[in-house]
PDB file of N, CA and C in Angstrom:
ATOM      1  N   MET A   1      75.518 145.421  95.653  1.00  0.00           N
ATOM      2  CA  MET A   1      76.806 145.776  96.123  1.00  0.00           C
ATOM      3  C   MET A   1      78.082 145.888  95.646  1.00  0.00           C
ATOM      4  N   SER A   2      78.697 146.555  96.677  1.00  0.00           N
ATOM      5  CA  SER A   2      79.617 147.573  96.202  1.00  0.00           C
ATOM      6  C   SER A   2      81.048 146.317  96.068  1.00  0.00           C
ATOM      7  N   ARG A   3      82.168 146.797  95.422  1.00  0.00           N
ATOM      8  CA  ARG A   3      83.110 145.747  95.278  1.00  0.00           C
ATOM      9  C   ARG A   3      83.917 145.547  96.257  1.00  0.00           C
ATOM     10  N   THR A   4      84.075 146.297  97.619  1.00  0.00           N
ATOM     11  CA  THR A   4      84.420 146.088  98.576  1.00  0.00           C
ATOM     12  C   THR A   4      83.494 145.336  99.327  1.00  0.00           C
ATOM     13  N   SER A   5      82.519 145.206  99.406  1.00  0.00           N
ATOM     14  CA  SER A   5      81.827 144.111 100.506  1.00  0.00           C
ATOM     15  C   SER A   5      81.771 143.031  99.977  1.00  0.00           C
ATOM     16  N   MET A   6      81.904 142.436  98.326  1.00  0.00           N
ATOM     17  CA  MET A   6      81.852 141.549  97.514  1.00  0.00           C
ATOM     18  C   MET A   6      83.014 140.840  97.831  1.00  0.00           C
ATOM     19  N   SER A   7      84.265 141.734  97.953  1.00  0.00           N
ATOM     20  CA  SER A   7      85.742 141.015  97.925  1.00  0.00           C
ATOM     21  C   SER A   7      85.652 140.441  99.399  1.00  0.00           C
ATOM     22  N   ARG A   8      85.089 141.312 100.064  1.00  0.00           N
ATOM     23  CA  ARG A   8      84.884 140.777 101.782  1.00  0.00           C
ATOM     24  C   ARG A   8      84.615 139.631 101.689  1.00  0.00           C
ATOM     25  N   THR A   9      82.900 139.322 101.519  1.00  0.00           N
ATOM     26  CA  THR A   9      82.277 138.150 101.056  1.00  0.00           C
ATOM     27  C   THR A   9      82.990 137.139 100.827  1.00  0.00           C
ATOM     28  N   SER A  10      83.728 137.231  99.571  1.00  0.00           N
ATOM     29  CA  SER A  10      84.604 136.349  99.314  1.00  0.00           C
ATOM     30  C   SER A  10      85.348 135.936 100.589  1.00  0.00           C
ATOM     31  N   THR A  11      86.427 136.799 100.788  1.00  0.00           N
ATOM     32  CA  THR A  11      87.447 136.349 102.191  1.00  0.00           C
ATOM     33  C   THR A  11      86.809 135.504 102.784  1.00  0.00           C
ATOM     34  N   ILE A  12      85.682 135.492 103.362  1.00  0.00           N
ATOM     35  CA  ILE A  12      84.712 135.219 104.965  1.00  0.00           C
ATOM     36  C   ILE A  12      84.731 133.917 104.147  1.00  0.00           C
ATOM     37  N   ARG A  13      83.780 134.121 102.917  1.00  0.00           N
ATOM     38  CA  ARG A  13      84.162 132.267 102.156  1.00  0.00           C
ATOM     39  C   ARG A  13      85.053 131.126 102.220  1.00  0.00           C
ATOM     40  N   LEU A  14      85.915 132.434 101.078  1.00  0.00           N
ATOM     41  CA  LEU A  14      87.506 131.073 101.884  1.00  0.00           C
ATOM     42  C   LEU A  14      87.892 130.736 102.907  1.00  0.00           C
ATOM     43  N   ARG A  15      87.937 131.740 104.025  1.00  0.00           N
ATOM     44  CA  ARG A  15      88.332 131.454 104.982  1.00  0.00           C
ATOM     45  C   ARG A  15      87.178 130.468 105.742  1.00  0.00           C
ATOM     46  N   VAL A  16      86.016 130.393 105.674  1.00  0.00           N
ATOM     47  CA  VAL A  16      85.223 129.424 106.202  1.00  0.00           C
ATOM     48  C   VAL A  16      85.759 128.163 105.558  1.00  0.00           C
ATOM     49  N   THR A  17      85.641 128.072 104.062  1.00  0.00           N
ATOM     50  CA  THR A  17      85.833 126.524 103.590  1.00  0.00           C
ATOM     51  C   THR A  17      87.588 126.250 104.383  1.00  0.00           C
ATOM     52  N   ALA A  18      88.387 126.954 104.387  1.00  0.00           N
ATOM     53  CA  ALA A  18      89.486 126.797 104.990  1.00  0.00           C
ATOM     54  C   ALA A  18      89.629 126.083 106.362  1.00  0.00           C
ATOM     55  N   VAL A  19      88.646 126.888 107.522  1.00  0.00           N
ATOM     56  CA  VAL A  19      88.763 126.094 108.711  1.00  0.00           C
ATOM     57  C   VAL A  19      88.054 124.776 108.314  1.00  0.00           C
ATOM     58  N   ALA A  20      87.036 124.525 107.477  1.00  0.00           N
ATOM     59  CA  ALA A  20      86.206 123.217 107.207  1.00  0.00           C
ATOM     60  C   ALA A  20      87.151 122.184 106.984  1.00  0.00           C
ATOM     61  N   LEU A  21      88.445 122.286 105.374  1.00  0.00           N
ATOM     62  CA  LEU A  21      89.003 121.897 105.491  1.00  0.00           C
ATOM     63  C   LEU A  21      90.034 121.279 106.597  1.00  0.00           C
ATOM     64  N   ALA A  22      90.215 121.980 107.562  1.00  0.00           N
ATOM     65  CA  ALA A  22      91.610 122.015 108.213  1.00  0.00           C
ATOM     66  C   ALA A  22      90.701 121.057 109.125  1.00  0.00           C
ATOM     67  N   ALA A  23      89.807 121.003 109.793  1.00  0.00           N
ATOM     68  CA  ALA A  23      89.018 120.324 110.662  1.00  0.00           C
ATOM     69  C   ALA A  23      88.633 119.240 110.295  1.00  0.00           C
ATOM     70  N   SER A  24      88.129 119.026 109.206  1.00  0.00           N
ATOM     71  CA  SER A  24      88.297 117.442 108.830  1.00  0.00           C
ATOM     72  C   SER A  24      89.545 116.615 108.515  1.00  0.00           C
ATOM     73  N   ALA A  25      90.757 117.350 108.333  1.00  0.00           N
ATOM     74  CA  ALA A  25      92.253 116.562 108.151  1.00  0.00           C
ATOM     75  C   ALA A  25      92.423 116.588 109.783  1.00  0.00           C
ATOM     76  N   CYS A  26      92.223 117.205 110.594  1.00  0.00           N
ATOM     77  CA  CYS A  26      92.256 117.279 111.746  1.00  0.00           C
ATOM     78  C   CYS A  26      91.167 115.653 112.264  1.00  0.00           C
ATOM     79  N   LEU A  27      90.068 115.685 111.719  1.00  0.00           N
ATOM     80  CA  LEU A  27      89.525 114.728 112.092  1.00  0.00           C
ATOM     81  C   LEU A  27      90.164 113.367 111.436  1.00  0.00           C
ATOM     82  N   LEU A  28      90.366 113.319 110.238  1.00  0.00           N
ATOM     83  CA  LEU A  28      90.952 112.322 109.754  1.00  0.00           C
ATOM     84  C   LEU A  28      92.327 111.793 110.328  1.00  0.00           C
ATOM     85  N   GLY A  29      93.183 112.576 110.916  1.00  0.00           N
ATOM     86  CA  GLY A  29      94.401 112.374 111.942  1.00  0.00           C
ATOM     87  C   GLY A  29      95.214 112.681 110.668  1.00  0.00           C
ATOM     88  N   GLY A  30      94.988 113.264 109.379  1.00  0.00           N
ATOM     89  CA  GLY A  30      95.630 113.684 108.197  1.00  0.00           C
ATOM     90  C   GLY A  30      96.246 112.843 107.778  1.00  0.00           C
ATOM     91  N   VAL A  31      96.215 111.308 107.707  1.00  0.00           N
ATOM     92  CA  VAL A  31      96.482 110.331 106.906  1.00  0.00           C
ATOM     93  C   VAL A  31      96.025 110.650 105.508  1.00  0.00           C
ATOM     94  N   GLY A  32      94.713 110.818 105.357  1.00  0.00           N
ATOM     95  CA  GLY A  32      94.308 110.698 104.074  1.00  0.00           C
ATOM     96  C   GLY A  32      93.089 110.968 103.395  1.00  0.00           C
ATOM     97  N   ALA A  33      92.789 111.188 102.704  1.00  0.00           N
ATOM     98  CA  ALA A  33      90.802 111.583 102.433  1.00  0.00           C
ATOM     99  C   ALA A  33      90.264 110.863 101.133  1.00  0.00           C
ATOM    100  N   ALA A  34      89.130 109.656 101.662  1.00  0.00           N
ATOM    101  CA  ALA A  34      88.883 109.039 100.529  1.00  0.00           C
ATOM    102  C   ALA A  34      88.401 109.639  99.107  1.00  0.00           C
ATOM    103  N   GLN A  35      88.518 109.222  98.041  1.00  0.00           N
ATOM    104  CA  GLN A  35      87.783 109.886  97.070  1.00  0.00           C
ATOM    105  C   GLN A  35      86.877 108.860  96.071  1.00  0.00           C
ATOM    106  N   ALA A  36      85.540 108.958  95.279  1.00  0.00           N
ATOM    107  CA  ALA A  36      85.410 108.441  94.716  1.00  0.00           C
ATOM    108  C   ALA A  36      86.518 107.289  93.406  1.00  0.00           C
ATOM    109  N   SER A  37      86.233 106.351  93.145  1.00  0.00           N
ATOM    110  CA  SER A  37      86.923 105.527  92.530  1.00  0.00           C
ATOM    111  C   SER A  37      85.815 104.780  90.828  1.00  0.00           C
ATOM    112  N   THR A  38      86.138 104.278  89.891  1.00  0.00           N
ATOM    113  CA  THR A  38      84.912 104.070  89.012  1.00  0.00           C
ATOM    114  C   THR A  38      85.704 102.358  89.070  1.00  0.00           C
ATOM    115  N   THR A  39      86.289 102.108  89.767  1.00  0.00           N
ATOM    116  CA  THR A  39      86.520 100.414  89.441  1.00  0.00           C
ATOM    117  C   THR A  39      86.144 100.110  90.876  1.00  0.00           C
ATOM    118  N   GLY A  40      85.304 100.915  91.469  1.00  0.00           N
ATOM    119  CA  GLY A  40      84.545 100.061  93.081  1.00  0.00           C
ATOM    120  C   GLY A  40      85.406 100.254  94.223  1.00  0.00           C
ATOM    121  N   ALA A  41      86.735 100.682  93.990  1.00  0.00           N
ATOM    122  CA  ALA A  41      87.741 100.519  95.502  1.00  0.00           C
ATOM    123  C   ALA A  41      87.605 101.875  95.531  1.00  0.00           C
ATOM    124  N   ALA A  42      87.914 101.975  96.750  1.00  0.00           N
ATOM    125  CA  ALA A  42      88.154 103.421  97.129  1.00  0.00           C
ATOM    126  C   ALA A  42      89.503 104.063  97.056  1.00  0.00           C
ATOM    127  N   ALA A  43      90.082 104.677  96.687  1.00  0.00           N
ATOM    128  CA  ALA A  43      91.334 106.192  96.438  1.00  0.00           C
ATOM    129  C   ALA A  43      91.474 106.643  97.598  1.00  0.00           C
ATOM    130  N   LEU A  44      92.310 106.700  97.898  1.00  0.00           N
ATOM    131  CA  LEU A  44      93.302 107.328  99.263  1.00  0.00           C
ATOM    132  C   LEU A  44      94.622 107.952  98.763  1.00  0.00           C
ATOM    133  N   THR A  45      94.659 109.217  99.548  1.00  0.00           N
ATOM    134  CA  THR A  45      95.919 109.784  99.185  1.00  0.00           C
ATOM    135  C   THR A  45      96.546 110.158 100.281  1.00  0.00           C
ATOM    136  N   THR A  46      97.834 109.535 100.855  1.00  0.00           N
ATOM    137  CA  THR A  46      98.366 109.508 101.996  1.00  0.00           C
ATOM    138  C   THR A  46      98.971 111.131 101.821  1.00  0.00           C
ATOM    139  N   THR A  47      99.323 111.110 103.506  1.00  0.00           N
ATOM    140  CA  THR A  47      99.897 112.874 103.307  1.00  0.00           C
ATOM    141  C   THR A  47     101.299 113.042 102.312  1.00  0.00           C
ATOM    142  N   SER A  48     101.886 112.067 102.256  1.00  0.00           N
ATOM    143  CA  SER A  48     103.043 112.117 101.514  1.00  0.00           C
ATOM    144  C   SER A  48     103.129 112.272  99.739  1.00  0.00           C
ATOM    145  N   GLY A  49     101.272 111.815  99.496  1.00  0.00           N
ATOM    146  CA  GLY A  49     100.899 112.152  98.327  1.00  0.00           C
ATOM    147  C   GLY A  49     100.939 111.038  97.483  1.00  0.00           C
ATOM    148  N   ARG A  50     101.384 109.940  97.814  1.00  0.00           N
ATOM    149  CA  ARG A  50     101.140 108.907  96.911  1.00  0.00           C
ATOM    150  C   ARG A  50      99.797 108.257  97.188  1.00  0.00           C
ATOM    151  N   ALA A  51      99.223 107.410  96.050  1.00  0.00           N
ATOM    152  CA  ALA A  51      97.731 107.240  96.062  1.00  0.00           C
ATOM    153  C   ALA A  51      98.197 105.542  95.904  1.00  0.00           C
ATOM    154  N   VAL A  52      97.030 105.720  96.559  1.00  0.00           N
ATOM    155  CA  VAL A  52      96.838 103.833  97.078  1.00  0.00           C
ATOM    156  C   VAL A  52      95.161 103.285  96.689  1.00  0.00           C
ATOM    157  N   THR A  53      95.021 102.119  96.635  1.00  0.00           N
ATOM    158  CA  THR A  53      93.758 101.654  96.291  1.00  0.00           C
ATOM    159  C   THR A  53      93.217 100.864  97.932  1.00  0.00           C
ATOM    160  N   ALA A  54      92.212 100.961  98.112  1.00  0.00           N
ATOM    161  CA  ALA A  54      91.719 100.477  99.037  1.00  0.00           C
ATOM    162  C   ALA A  54      90.709  99.005  98.475  1.00  0.00           C
ATOM    163  N   THR A  55      90.871  97.641  98.668  1.00  0.00           N
ATOM    164  CA  THR A  55      89.898  96.499  98.188  1.00  0.00           C
ATOM    165  C   THR A  55      89.006  96.441  99.273  1.00  0.00           C
ATOM    166  N   GLU A  56      87.949  95.351  98.571  1.00  0.00           N
ATOM    167  CA  GLU A  56      87.439  94.859  99.219  1.00  0.00           C
ATOM    168  C   GLU A  56      86.996  93.276  99.428  1.00  0.00           C
ATOM    169  N   THR A  57      87.271  92.885 100.580  1.00  0.00           N
ATOM    170  CA  THR A  57      87.433  91.331 100.314  1.00  0.00           C
ATOM    171  C   THR A  57      86.514  90.928 101.834  1.00  0.00           C
ATOM    172  N   ALA A  58      85.852  89.178 101.246  1.00  0.00           N
ATOM    173  CA  ALA A  58      84.829  88.670 102.260  1.00  0.00           C
ATOM    174  C   ALA A  58      85.308  87.608 102.148  1.00  0.00           C
ATOM    175  N   THR A  59      84.904  86.911 102.699  1.00  0.00           N
ATOM    176  CA  THR A  59      84.757  85.340 102.845  1.00  0.00           C
ATOM    177  C   THR A  59      83.804  84.465 103.186  1.00  0.00           C
ATOM    178  N   PHE A  60      83.536  83.702 102.353  1.00  0.00           N
ATOM    179  CA  PHE A  60      82.321  82.296 102.756  1.00  0.00           C
ATOM    180  C   PHE A  60      82.633  81.132 103.374  1.00  0.00           C
ATOM    181  N   THR A  61      82.252  80.325 103.557  1.00  0.00           N
ATOM    182  CA  THR A  61      82.284  78.938 104.304  1.00  0.00           C
ATOM    183  C   THR A  61      80.954  78.093 103.855  1.00  0.00           C
ATOM    184  N   GLY A  62      81.174  77.033 103.225  1.00  0.00           N
ATOM    185  CA  GLY A  62      80.037  76.124 102.858  1.00  0.00           C
ATOM    186  C   GLY A  62      80.683  74.418 103.249  1.00  0.00           C
ATOM    187  N   SER A  63      79.699  73.862 103.098  1.00  0.00           N
ATOM    188  CA  SER A  63      79.979  72.351 103.734  1.00  0.00           C
ATOM    189  C   SER A  63      79.450  71.353 102.267  1.00  0.00           C
ATOM    190  N   GLY A  64      79.880  70.000 102.304  1.00  0.00           N
ATOM    191  CA  GLY A  64      79.429  69.578 101.084  1.00  0.00           C
ATOM    192  C   GLY A  64      79.585  67.759 101.721  1.00  0.00           C
ATOM    193  N   THR A  65      79.213  67.164 100.568  1.00  0.00           N
ATOM    194  CA  THR A  65      79.754  66.022 101.092  1.00  0.00           C
ATOM    195  C   THR A  65      79.734  64.915  99.485  1.00  0.00           C
ATOM    196  N   GLY A  66      80.671  63.797  99.612  1.00  0.00           N
ATOM    197  CA  GLY A  66      81.287  62.930  98.446  1.00  0.00           C
ATOM    198  C   GLY A  66      81.907  61.957  98.581  1.00  0.00           C
ATOM    199  N   GLY A  67      81.647  61.235  97.712  1.00  0.00           N
ATOM    200  CA  GLY A  67      82.004  59.607  97.817  1.00  0.00           C
ATOM    201  C   GLY A  67      83.781  59.516  98.043  1.00  0.00           C
ATOM    202  N   SER A  68      84.400  60.688  97.634  1.00  0.00           N
ATOM    203  CA  SER A  68      86.174  60.421  97.931  1.00  0.00           C
ATOM    204  C   SER A  68      86.384  62.335  98.350  1.00  0.00           C
ATOM    205  N   MET A  69      87.178  61.853  99.040  1.00  0.00           N
ATOM    206  CA  MET A  69      87.761  63.565  99.679  1.00  0.00           C
ATOM    207  C   MET A  69      87.688  64.874  97.962  1.00  0.00           C
ATOM    208  N   GLY A  70      88.253  64.379  97.511  1.00  0.00           N
ATOM    209  CA  GLY A  70      88.056  65.421  96.255  1.00  0.00           C
ATOM    210  C   GLY A  70      86.827  65.862  96.018  1.00  0.00           C
ATOM    211  N   ALA A  71      86.047  64.515  96.152  1.00  0.00           N
ATOM    212  CA  ALA A  71      84.754  65.163  95.718  1.00  0.00           C
ATOM    213  C   ALA A  71      84.298  66.515  96.442  1.00  0.00           C
ATOM    214  N   ALA A  72      84.076  65.468  98.114  1.00  0.00           N
ATOM    215  CA  ALA A  72      83.269  66.340  98.765  1.00  0.00           C
ATOM    216  C   ALA A  72      84.136  67.765  99.222  1.00  0.00           C
ATOM    217  N   ILE A  73      85.460  67.690  98.756  1.00  0.00           N
ATOM    218  CA  ILE A  73      86.102  69.426  99.206  1.00  0.00           C
ATOM    219  C   ILE A  73      85.258  69.833  97.941  1.00  0.00           C
ATOM    220  N   GLU A  74      85.148  69.781  96.464  1.00  0.00           N
ATOM    221  CA  GLU A  74      84.587  70.009  95.481  1.00  0.00           C
ATOM    222  C   GLU A  74      83.389  70.972  95.465  1.00  0.00           C
ATOM    223  N   SER A  75      82.462  69.859  96.304  1.00  0.00           N
ATOM    224  CA  SER A  75      81.266  70.521  96.520  1.00  0.00           C
ATOM    225  C   SER A  75      80.705  71.251  97.527  1.00  0.00           C
ATOM    226  N   ALA A  76      81.886  71.302  98.504  1.00  0.00           N
ATOM    227  CA  ALA A  76      81.985  72.602  99.574  1.00  0.00           C
ATOM    228  C   ALA A  76      81.996  73.616  98.908  1.00  0.00           C
ATOM    229  N   THR A  77      83.119  73.306  98.348  1.00  0.00           N
ATOM    230  CA  THR A  77      83.756  74.927  97.205  1.00  0.00           C
ATOM    231  C   THR A  77      82.745  75.399  96.995  1.00  0.00           C
ATOM    232  N   ASN A  78      81.915  74.382  95.751  1.00  0.00           N
ATOM    233  CA  ASN A  78      81.333  74.316  95.229  1.00  0.00           C
ATOM    234  C   ASN A  78      80.009  75.127  95.997  1.00  0.00           C
ATOM    235  N   VAL A  79      79.218  74.956  96.862  1.00  0.00           N
ATOM    236  CA  VAL A  79      78.643  75.621  97.475  1.00  0.00           C
ATOM    237  C   VAL A  79      78.769  77.026  98.386  1.00  0.00           C
ATOM    238  N   ALA A  80      80.260  77.422  98.545  1.00  0.00           N
ATOM    239  CA  ALA A  80      80.641  78.791  99.329  1.00  0.00           C
ATOM    240  C   ALA A  80      81.188  78.985  98.154  1.00  0.00           C
ATOM    241  N   LEU A  81      81.372  79.535  97.076  1.00  0.00           N
ATOM    242  CA  LEU A  81      80.969  80.615  95.566  1.00  0.00           C
ATOM    243  C   LEU A  81      79.954  80.623  94.942  1.00  0.00           C
ATOM    244  N   SER A  82      78.974  79.390  95.414  1.00  0.00           N
ATOM    245  CA  SER A  82      77.057  79.703  95.351  1.00  0.00           C
ATOM    246  C   SER A  82      76.851  81.124  96.225  1.00  0.00           C
ATOM    247  N   TYR A  83      76.696  81.116  97.097  1.00  0.00           N
ATOM    248  CA  TYR A  83      76.890  81.843  98.419  1.00  0.00           C
ATOM    249  C   TYR A  83      77.791  83.312  97.956  1.00  0.00           C
ATOM    250  N   ALA A  84      78.797  83.167  97.373  1.00  0.00           N
ATOM    251  CA  ALA A  84      79.681  84.292  96.862  1.00  0.00           C
ATOM    252  C   ALA A  84      78.818  85.222  95.837  1.00  0.00           C
ATOM    253  N   GLN A  85      78.532  84.371  94.729  1.00  0.00           N
ATOM    254  CA  GLN A  85      77.331  85.246  93.556  1.00  0.00           C
ATOM    255  C   GLN A  85      76.826  85.160  93.859  1.00  0.00           C
ATOM    256  N   ALA A  86      75.833  85.111  95.226  1.00  0.00           N
ATOM    257  CA  ALA A  86      74.735  85.384  95.257  1.00  0.00           C
ATOM    258  C   ALA A  86      74.831  86.858  96.173  1.00  0.00           C
ATOM    259  N   ALA A  87      75.520  87.074  96.776  1.00  0.00           N
ATOM    260  CA  ALA A  87      76.299  87.934  97.454  1.00  0.00           C
ATOM    261  C   ALA A  87      77.204  89.265  96.686  1.00  0.00           C
ATOM    262  N   GLY A  88      77.252  88.806  94.980  1.00  0.00           N
ATOM    263  CA  GLY A  88      77.534  90.161  93.972  1.00  0.00           C
ATOM    264  C   GLY A  88      78.709  89.531  93.513  1.00  0.00           C
ATOM    265  N   TRP A  89      79.368  88.782  93.966  1.00  0.00           N
ATOM    266  CA  TRP A  89      81.270  88.222  94.089  1.00  0.00           C
ATOM    267  C   TRP A  89      81.232  87.581  92.525  1.00  0.00           C
ATOM    268  N   GLN A  90      82.336  87.735  91.980  1.00  0.00           N
ATOM    269  CA  GLN A  90      82.148  86.591  90.674  1.00  0.00           C
ATOM    270  C   GLN A  90      83.296  85.730  90.808  1.00  0.00           C
ATOM    271  N   ARG A  91      83.245  84.514  90.617  1.00  0.00           N
ATOM    272  CA  ARG A  91      84.103  83.263  90.935  1.00  0.00           C
ATOM    273  C   ARG A  91      85.811  83.752  90.629  1.00  0.00           C
ATOM    274  N   SER A  92      85.731  84.690  89.699  1.00  0.00           N
ATOM    275  CA  SER A  92      87.198  84.782  89.136  1.00  0.00           C
ATOM    276  C   SER A  92      87.862  85.914  90.785  1.00  0.00           C
ATOM    277  N   GLN A  93      86.660  86.140  91.166  1.00  0.00           N
ATOM    278  CA  GLN A  93      87.408  87.367  92.057  1.00  0.00           C
ATOM    279  C   GLN A  93      87.538  86.668  93.487  1.00  0.00           C
ATOM    280  N   CYS A  94      87.665  85.294  93.632  1.00  0.00           N
ATOM    281  CA  CYS A  94      87.583  84.082  94.906  1.00  0.00           C
ATOM    282  C   CYS A  94      88.373  82.924  94.632  1.00  0.00           C
ATOM    283  N   TYR A  95      88.904  82.704  95.538  1.00  0.00           N
ATOM    284  CA  TYR A  95      89.933  81.208  95.566  1.00  0.00           C
ATOM    285  C   TYR A  95      89.601  80.645  97.255  1.00  0.00           C
ATOM    286  N   ARG A  96      89.697  79.115  96.904  1.00  0.00           N
ATOM    287  CA  ARG A  96      89.592  78.577  98.056  1.00  0.00           C
ATOM    288  C   ARG A  96      90.566  78.557  99.329  1.00  0.00           C
ATOM    289  N   LEU A  97      90.288  79.460 100.546  1.00  0.00           N
ATOM    290  CA  LEU A  97      91.151  79.529 101.407  1.00  0.00           C
ATOM    291  C   LEU A  97      92.020  77.969 102.223  1.00  0.00           C
ATOM    292  N   ALA A  98      90.867  77.547 102.421  1.00  0.00           N
ATOM    293  CA  ALA A  98      91.212  76.410 103.608  1.00  0.00           C
ATOM    294  C   ALA A  98      89.965  75.742 103.269  1.00  0.00           C
ATOM    295  N   SER A  99      90.496  73.941 103.474  1.00  0.00           N
ATOM    296  CA  SER A  99      89.318  72.958 103.601  1.00  0.00           C
ATOM    297  C   SER A  99      89.347  72.644 104.248  1.00  0.00           C
ATOM    298  N   ASP A 100      88.701  71.409 104.760  1.00  0.00           N
ATOM    299  CA  ASP A 100      88.665  70.343 106.069  1.00  0.00           C
ATOM    300  C   ASP A 100      87.349  69.222 105.748  1.00  0.00           C
ATOM    301  N   VAL A 101      88.367  68.217 105.864  1.00  0.00           N
ATOM    302  CA  VAL A 101      87.953  66.852 105.181  1.00  0.00           C
ATOM    303  C   VAL A 101      87.510  65.616 106.433  1.00  0.00           C
ATOM    304  N   ARG A 102      86.503  65.446 107.036  1.00  0.00           N
ATOM    305  CA  ARG A 102      86.005  64.252 107.337  1.00  0.00           C
ATOM    306  C   ARG A 102      85.687  62.761 107.158  1.00  0.00           C
ATOM    307  N   GLN A 103      86.149  61.700 107.563  1.00  0.00           N
ATOM    308  CA  GLN A 103      85.097  60.330 106.685  1.00  0.00           C
ATOM    309  C   GLN A 103      84.326  60.056 108.004  1.00  0.00           C
ATOM    310  N   SER A 104      82.967  59.541 107.747  1.00  0.00           N
ATOM    311  CA  SER A 104      82.060  59.111 108.275  1.00  0.00           C
ATOM    312  C   SER A 104      81.439  57.714 107.532  1.00  0.00           C
ATOM    313  N   SER A 105      81.613  56.403 108.019  1.00  0.00           N
ATOM    314  CA  SER A 105      80.518  56.055 107.110  1.00  0.00           C
ATOM    315  C   SER A 105      81.144  55.657 105.526  1.00  0.00           C
ATOM    316  N   GLY A 106      82.314  55.731 105.171  1.00  0.00           N
ATOM    317  CA  GLY A 106      82.159  55.558 103.883  1.00  0.00           C
ATOM    318  C   GLY A 106      81.923  56.860 103.342  1.00  0.00           C
ATOM    319  N   TRP A 107      81.223  57.603 103.181  1.00  0.00           N
ATOM    320  CA  TRP A 107      81.129  59.265 102.577  1.00  0.00           C
ATOM    321  C   TRP A 107      82.091  60.209 103.491  1.00  0.00           C
ATOM    322  N   PHE A 108      82.426  61.265 102.715  1.00  0.00           N
ATOM    323  CA  PHE A 108      83.119  62.330 102.968  1.00  0.00           C
ATOM    324  C   PHE A 108      82.582  63.695 103.130  1.00  0.00           C
ATOM    325  N   THR A 109      82.783  64.376 104.241  1.00  0.00           N
ATOM    326  CA  THR A 109      82.181  65.506 104.827  1.00  0.00           C
ATOM    327  C   THR A 109      83.120  66.285 104.312  1.00  0.00           C
ATOM    328  N   ALA A 110      82.800  67.658 103.667  1.00  0.00           N
ATOM    329  CA  ALA A 110      83.846  68.864 103.657  1.00  0.00           C
ATOM    330  C   ALA A 110      83.244  69.998 104.077  1.00  0.00           C
ATOM    331  N   VAL A 111      84.099  71.171 104.633  1.00  0.00           N
ATOM    332  CA  VAL A 111      83.855  72.308 104.862  1.00  0.00           C
ATOM    333  C   VAL A 111      84.869  73.027 103.990  1.00  0.00           C
ATOM    334  N   SER A 112      84.510  74.225 103.408  1.00  0.00           N
ATOM    335  CA  SER A 112      85.263  74.762 102.483  1.00  0.00           C
ATOM    336  C   SER A 112      85.735  76.427 102.934  1.00  0.00           C
ATOM    337  N   LYS A 113      86.450  76.855 102.885  1.00  0.00           N
ATOM    338  CA  LYS A 113      86.256  78.942 103.105  1.00  0.00           C
ATOM    339  C   LYS A 113      86.972  79.177 101.990  1.00  0.00           C
ATOM    340  N   VAL A 114      86.051  80.073 101.066  1.00  0.00           N
ATOM    341  CA  VAL A 114      86.113  80.844 100.091  1.00  0.00           C
ATOM    342  C   VAL A 114      86.496  82.215 100.096  1.00  0.00           C
ATOM    343  N   PHE A 115      88.373  82.758  99.788  1.00  0.00           N
ATOM    344  CA  PHE A 115      88.138  84.187 100.091  1.00  0.00           C
ATOM    345  C   PHE A 115      87.745  85.022  98.806  1.00  0.00           C
ATOM    346  N   CYS A 116      87.075  86.168  98.990  1.00  0.00           N
ATOM    347  CA  CYS A 116      87.273  86.789  97.720  1.00  0.00           C
ATOM    348  C   CYS A 116      87.956  88.195  97.708  1.00  0.00           C
ATOM    349  N   GLN A 117      88.154  88.696  96.606  1.00  0.00           N
ATOM    350  CA  GLN A 117      88.867  90.240  96.952  1.00  0.00           C
ATOM    351  C   GLN A 117      88.256  91.011  95.127  1.00  0.00           C
ATOM    352  N   ARG A 118      88.436  92.485  95.627  1.00  0.00           N
ATOM    353  CA  ARG A 118      87.820  93.257  94.464  1.00  0.00           C
ATOM    354  C   ARG A 118      88.344  94.263  94.695  1.00  0.00           C
TER     355      ARG A 118
END
């Protein structure tokens, strides 16, 4: 291959790459591009050049019973946390978002919602 044809081929490849990048930017709306991150969260770069991270969230619901309101809520929260742990979340990444307690014939029944974020 001559030097002129190599230069022309490189220029064509560069133009094709530039067109592909421009097309993908149009599809994304010019907002940002995703990159892999070691923390598991996706790092995004906005058009203004600022880096932001996307977090993963999930909610889990559990129910439980107890002899007191507090015991029923704790039981329901522990069930929801066990669901979260089975899905790969750590307890330190989760907290109780809401709970509801009802009393029936001396026992308390509770439903607890746990919110997890990483």
